């Protein structure tokens, strides 16, 4: 059985508290935290918040829900 690569994401919040695109660049996240450009956001170790202002780049998102399958939503 081939092994699958697990992709870890860190969610990102700008200085105003607005969510921006998550990142999988864990090395950059570590550098941002170490240099003081970002801090851990809330009680979670999966979200960072930038201290400085950044360019907020977001992508449009479409959510698809199958209404014929009722397992819980």
C-alpha atoms as a PDB file:
ATOM      1  CA  UNK A   1       0.000   0.000   0.000  1.00  0.00           C
ATOM      2  CA  UNK A   2       1.537   3.358  -0.984  1.00  0.00           C
ATOM      3  CA  UNK A   3       1.951   5.906   1.765  1.00  0.00           C
ATOM      4  CA  UNK A   4       0.072   9.146   1.419  1.00  0.00           C
ATOM      5  CA  UNK A   5       1.665  12.462   2.219  1.00  0.00           C
ATOM      6  CA  UNK A   6      -0.143  14.209   5.062  1.00  0.00           C
ATOM      7  CA  UNK A   7      -0.557  17.917   4.427  1.00  0.00           C
ATOM      8  CA  UNK A   8      -0.647  20.036   7.564  1.00  0.00           C
ATOM      9  CA  UNK A   9      -2.192  23.468   7.345  1.00  0.00           C
ATOM     10  CA  UNK A  10      -1.816  26.412   9.658  1.00  0.00           C
ATOM     11  CA  UNK A  11      -4.700  28.845   9.557  1.00  0.00           C
ATOM     12  CA  UNK A  12      -3.784  32.529   9.331  1.00  0.00           C
ATOM     13  CA  UNK A  13      -5.502  35.613  10.724  1.00  0.00           C
ATOM     14  CA  UNK A  14      -4.373  39.152   9.852  1.00  0.00           C
ATOM     15  CA  UNK A  15      -3.719  41.886  12.409  1.00  0.00           C
ATOM     16  CA  UNK A  16      -7.395  42.964  12.339  1.00  0.00           C
ATOM     17  CA  UNK A  17      -8.686  39.458  13.088  1.00  0.00           C
ATOM     18  CA  UNK A  18      -9.895  38.732   9.555  1.00  0.00           C
ATOM     19  CA  UNK A  19      -9.171  35.186   8.329  1.00  0.00           C
ATOM     20  CA  UNK A  20      -6.934  34.880   5.263  1.00  0.00           C
ATOM     21  CA  UNK A  21      -5.786  31.862   3.267  1.00  0.00           C
ATOM     22  CA  UNK A  22      -4.217  29.029   5.305  1.00  0.00           C
ATOM     23  CA  UNK A  23      -0.639  27.995   4.623  1.00  0.00           C
ATOM     24  CA  UNK A  24       1.164  24.682   4.479  1.00  0.00           C
ATOM     25  CA  UNK A  25       4.585  26.356   4.641  1.00  0.00           C
ATOM     26  CA  UNK A  26       5.381  25.242   8.173  1.00  0.00           C
ATOM     27  CA  UNK A  27       8.978  26.478   7.991  1.00  0.00           C
ATOM     28  CA  UNK A  28       7.807  30.024   7.247  1.00  0.00           C
ATOM     29  CA  UNK A  29       5.295  29.821  10.096  1.00  0.00           C
ATOM     30  CA  UNK A  30       8.083  28.826  12.465  1.00  0.00           C
ATOM     31  CA  UNK A  31      10.220  31.786  11.266  1.00  0.00           C
ATOM     32  CA  UNK A  32       7.320  34.246  11.605  1.00  0.00           C
ATOM     33  CA  UNK A  33       6.717  33.095  15.175  1.00  0.00           C
ATOM     34  CA  UNK A  34      10.406  33.158  16.094  1.00  0.00           C
ATOM     35  CA  UNK A  35      10.961  36.663  14.662  1.00  0.00           C
ATOM     36  CA  UNK A  36       7.872  38.088  16.383  1.00  0.00           C
ATOM     37  CA  UNK A  37       5.954  38.830  13.172  1.00  0.00           C
ATOM     38  CA  UNK A  38       3.172  36.445  14.244  1.00  0.00           C
ATOM     39  CA  UNK A  39       1.733  35.027  17.465  1.00  0.00           C
ATOM     40  CA  UNK A  40      -0.395  31.982  18.251  1.00  0.00           C
ATOM     41  CA  UNK A  41      -4.068  32.938  17.956  1.00  0.00           C
ATOM     42  CA  UNK A  42      -6.393  31.930  20.761  1.00  0.00           C
ATOM     43  CA  UNK A  43      -5.964  28.623  22.524  1.00  0.00           C
ATOM     44  CA  UNK A  44      -5.216  26.705  19.329  1.00  0.00           C
ATOM     45  CA  UNK A  45      -1.823  25.659  17.992  1.00  0.00           C
ATOM     46  CA  UNK A  46      -3.196  25.525  14.461  1.00  0.00           C
ATOM     47  CA  UNK A  47      -3.884  29.254  13.961  1.00  0.00           C
ATOM     48  CA  UNK A  48      -1.484  32.202  13.907  1.00  0.00           C
ATOM     49  CA  UNK A  49      -2.165  35.928  13.865  1.00  0.00           C
ATOM     50  CA  UNK A  50       0.133  38.441  12.247  1.00  0.00           C
ATOM     51  CA  UNK A  51       1.190  41.361  14.402  1.00  0.00           C
ATOM     52  CA  UNK A  52       2.021  43.571  11.422  1.00  0.00           C
ATOM     53  CA  UNK A  53      -0.325  44.473   8.573  1.00  0.00           C
ATOM     54  CA  UNK A  54      -0.246  42.156   5.566  1.00  0.00           C
ATOM     55  CA  UNK A  55      -1.760  42.036   2.087  1.00  0.00           C
ATOM     56  CA  UNK A  56      -4.984  40.101   2.520  1.00  0.00           C
ATOM     57  CA  UNK A  57      -5.293  37.675  -0.353  1.00  0.00           C
ATOM     58  CA  UNK A  58      -8.313  35.398  -0.339  1.00  0.00           C
ATOM     59  CA  UNK A  59      -9.811  33.071  -2.915  1.00  0.00           C
ATOM     60  CA  UNK A  60     -13.482  32.559  -3.674  1.00  0.00           C
ATOM     61  CA  UNK A  61     -14.910  29.465  -2.025  1.00  0.00           C
ATOM     62  CA  UNK A  62     -17.811  27.260  -3.077  1.00  0.00           C
ATOM     63  CA  UNK A  63     -19.437  24.840  -0.650  1.00  0.00           C
ATOM     64  CA  UNK A  64     -21.292  21.867  -2.060  1.00  0.00           C
ATOM     65  CA  UNK A  65     -23.845  20.101   0.113  1.00  0.00           C
ATOM     66  CA  UNK A  66     -25.568  16.893  -0.968  1.00  0.00           C
ATOM     67  CA  UNK A  67     -29.142  17.368   0.259  1.00  0.00           C
ATOM     68  CA  UNK A  68     -30.051  13.761  -0.555  1.00  0.00           C
ATOM     69  CA  UNK A  69     -27.705  12.309   2.054  1.00  0.00           C
ATOM     70  CA  UNK A  70     -28.875  12.940   5.639  1.00  0.00           C
ATOM     71  CA  UNK A  71     -26.112  11.928   8.006  1.00  0.00           C
ATOM     72  CA  UNK A  72     -25.892  15.153   9.938  1.00  0.00           C
ATOM     73  CA  UNK A  73     -25.001  18.701   9.145  1.00  0.00           C
END
